[in-house]
Amino acid sequence: MREALREKIRESLLSGSTWLRGFFMLVYAGICYLAIWITGIVILFQFGVVLLSGKPNERLLPVGQSLSLYIRQIFSYLTYNSDEKPFPLGSWPTVNEYDVKPVVNLTTEPEPPQKEINQVNG
């Protein structure tokens, strides 16, 4: 029984497909790191747009969503939940324009009433 286990471990260590997957995992980990930085830039830009205009940039919503889906694809590959290689060896995730809706309702709330400060003249 011990010998069978040793043989199985030996086969796994010498398997070219396992090492090739490991190589792709390193490559995709680097790509994921870059994609997270780009997503961070999109987040900051979108936040700035919301601060200035009160609503998200509609053209930027699909970019953020596709980046999110791409990062999810990479994590699925890295965690062995998927054998499908993400972009650039696979396809870029598609986003349906009708699926992209702002999740946050950015309606403005009324300002609280200001307290009057009585000035004492005297």
Foldseek 3Di string as FASTA:
>chain_A
DVVVVVVVVVCCVPDPVNVVLVVLLVVLVVVLVVLVVVLVVLVVVQVVCCVVPVDGDLVSQQVNVQSVVQSVVSVCSNVVVDVDRGPPVHDRDDDDSVVRDDPDDRDDDDDDDDDDDDDDDD
